[in-house]
Amino acid sequence: MENLRIYLPKDKHDFDSVTELNKLEYSNVIILIPNLLEWLQDINWPISTEIAKLLLRYPEETIPHVKEVLSAKDDIWKEWCLRYFVEELSEHLIIEFKGELTRIVYDPTSGEELEEVNETAQLILKRIKNI
């Protein structure tokens, strides 16, 4: 793991690292997923959307880490994970988040309401209601 850290972005403008990450083998990228997910904490960082696209190439491996974010207290991070990762998944993968989405929609924290995470969750939940 330590030698793979050299591929992680150094700052919010480090597109060179993102380019190199896209060239890495599957087994190396999945080790870095928790670190890469941190770049979705602020979608205004220039490399954030590119990191989100990279994570979408490894959806099954990223899902457990996004679930951890959704159970934590960083409501803005939850919003970005929902919008830039979960919402982009196919319905058969979104269903993996049914429990988390249902909780956020029907029993949101005050922070989730303030950041409108519950509204984003509701839009995503509607996509899988009939599955």
Protein backbone atom coordinates (compact mmCIF):
# COMPACT_ATOMS: atom_id res chain seq x y z
CA MET A 1 0.00 0.00 0.00
CA GLU A 2 2.70 2.45 0.95
CA ASN A 3 4.33 2.33 -2.49
CA LEU A 4 0.92 2.89 -4.13
CA ARG A 5 0.44 6.15 -2.23
CA ILE A 6 2.70 7.83 -4.77
CA TYR A 7 -0.26 7.64 -7.20
CA LEU A 8 -2.65 9.53 -4.94
CA PRO A 9 -3.30 13.16 -5.87
CA LYS A 10 -1.11 15.63 -4.01
CA ASP A 11 -3.56 18.55 -4.29
CA LYS A 12 -6.88 19.52 -5.84
CA HIS A 13 -5.23 20.37 -9.17
CA ASP A 14 -3.18 17.18 -9.54
CA PHE A 15 -4.65 15.90 -12.81
CA ASP A 16 -1.38 14.14 -13.59
CA SER A 17 -2.01 11.76 -10.70
CA VAL A 18 -5.53 11.12 -11.93
CA THR A 19 -4.14 10.27 -15.37
CA GLU A 20 -1.69 7.81 -13.78
CA LEU A 21 -4.42 6.30 -11.60
CA ASN A 22 -6.43 5.57 -14.73
CA LYS A 23 -3.49 3.52 -16.03
CA LEU A 24 -3.09 1.38 -12.90
CA GLU A 25 -4.12 -2.25 -12.75
CA TYR A 26 -7.40 -3.16 -11.09
CA SER A 27 -5.78 -4.67 -7.99
CA ASN A 28 -3.81 -1.50 -7.31
CA VAL A 29 -6.73 0.88 -7.74
CA ILE A 30 -9.06 -1.00 -5.40
CA ILE A 31 -6.52 -0.69 -2.59
CA LEU A 32 -6.62 3.09 -3.03
CA ILE A 33 -10.43 3.46 -3.12
CA PRO A 34 -10.84 4.73 0.48
CA ASN A 35 -8.22 7.42 -0.16
CA LEU A 36 -9.71 8.33 -3.51
CA LEU A 37 -13.19 8.64 -2.07
CA GLU A 38 -11.91 11.44 0.17
CA TRP A 39 -11.64 13.60 -2.96
CA LEU A 40 -15.44 13.63 -3.14
CA GLN A 41 -15.60 15.59 0.12
CA ASP A 42 -15.70 18.80 -1.90
CA ILE A 43 -16.89 18.49 -5.46
CA ASN A 44 -15.61 22.01 -6.15
CA TRP A 45 -12.05 20.69 -6.10
CA PRO A 46 -11.07 20.52 -9.78
CA ILE A 47 -10.10 16.82 -9.75
CA SER A 48 -13.16 15.63 -7.82
CA THR A 49 -15.36 14.82 -10.79
CA GLU A 50 -12.51 12.96 -12.48
CA ILE A 51 -11.97 10.91 -9.32
CA ALA A 52 -15.72 10.17 -9.24
CA LYS A 53 -15.52 8.89 -12.84
CA LEU A 54 -12.58 6.70 -11.87
CA LEU A 55 -14.48 5.25 -8.90
CA LEU A 56 -17.44 4.48 -11.16
CA ARG A 57 -15.18 2.06 -13.04
CA TYR A 58 -15.01 0.02 -9.80
CA PRO A 59 -18.57 0.26 -8.47
CA GLU A 60 -18.79 -3.00 -6.51
CA GLU A 61 -15.50 -2.27 -4.76
CA THR A 62 -16.47 1.34 -3.99
CA ILE A 63 -19.98 0.67 -2.66
CA PRO A 64 -18.91 -0.48 0.84
CA HIS A 65 -16.81 2.65 1.28
CA VAL A 66 -19.64 4.93 0.16
CA LYS A 67 -21.92 3.18 2.63
CA GLU A 68 -19.46 4.13 5.39
CA VAL A 69 -19.67 7.77 4.30
CA LEU A 70 -23.47 7.62 4.34
CA SER A 71 -23.41 6.38 7.93
CA ALA A 72 -20.96 9.06 9.08
CA LYS A 73 -21.60 12.69 10.00
CA ASP A 74 -20.20 14.63 7.04
CA ASP A 75 -23.46 15.59 5.35
CA ILE A 76 -21.90 17.48 2.45
CA TRP A 77 -19.71 14.47 1.66
CA LYS A 78 -22.86 12.31 1.71
CA GLU A 79 -24.47 14.65 -0.81
CA TRP A 80 -21.52 14.49 -3.18
CA CYS A 81 -21.28 10.71 -2.91
CA LEU A 82 -24.96 10.40 -3.71
CA ARG A 83 -24.86 12.82 -6.63
CA TYR A 84 -21.57 11.87 -8.23
CA PHE A 85 -21.39 8.17 -7.43
CA VAL A 86 -24.66 6.53 -6.37
CA GLU A 87 -26.86 8.46 -8.80
CA GLU A 88 -24.59 7.43 -11.68
CA LEU A 89 -24.89 3.72 -10.94
CA SER A 90 -27.25 1.37 -12.76
CA GLU A 91 -30.43 0.45 -10.90
CA HIS A 92 -29.19 -3.04 -10.04
CA LEU A 93 -26.31 -1.45 -8.11
CA ILE A 94 -28.31 1.43 -6.61
CA ILE A 95 -30.47 -1.18 -4.90
CA GLU A 96 -27.42 -1.95 -2.73
CA PHE A 97 -28.10 1.43 -1.08
CA LYS A 98 -31.82 0.92 -0.51
CA GLY A 99 -31.50 0.79 3.28
CA GLU A 100 -29.31 3.88 3.50
CA LEU A 101 -31.46 5.83 1.05
CA THR A 102 -34.66 4.87 2.86
CA ARG A 103 -33.24 5.97 6.21
CA ILE A 104 -32.05 9.32 4.81
CA VAL A 105 -35.42 9.98 3.14
CA TYR A 106 -37.69 8.98 6.03
CA ASP A 107 -35.50 9.70 9.05
CA PRO A 108 -32.94 12.34 8.04
CA THR A 109 -30.67 14.01 10.52
CA SER A 110 -30.98 17.78 10.84
CA GLY A 111 -27.71 18.11 8.92
CA GLU A 112 -28.98 15.91 6.10
CA GLU A 113 -32.07 18.11 5.86
CA LEU A 114 -29.99 21.28 5.96
CA GLU A 115 -27.76 20.05 3.12
CA GLU A 116 -30.79 18.57 1.28
CA VAL A 117 -29.22 15.12 1.29
CA ASN A 118 -32.69 13.70 1.93
CA GLU A 119 -33.98 15.28 -1.31
CA THR A 120 -31.16 13.77 -3.36
CA ALA A 121 -31.72 10.41 -1.68
CA GLN A 122 -35.42 10.59 -2.50
CA LEU A 123 -34.71 11.17 -6.20
CA ILE A 124 -32.37 8.18 -6.28
CA LEU A 125 -34.75 6.00 -4.28
CA LYS A 126 -37.53 6.66 -6.80
CA ARG A 127 -35.39 5.02 -9.48
CA ILE A 128 -35.41 1.69 -7.64
CA LYS A 129 -38.89 1.74 -6.08
CA ASN A 130 -40.31 -0.55 -8.73
CA ILE A 131 -37.46 -3.03 -8.78
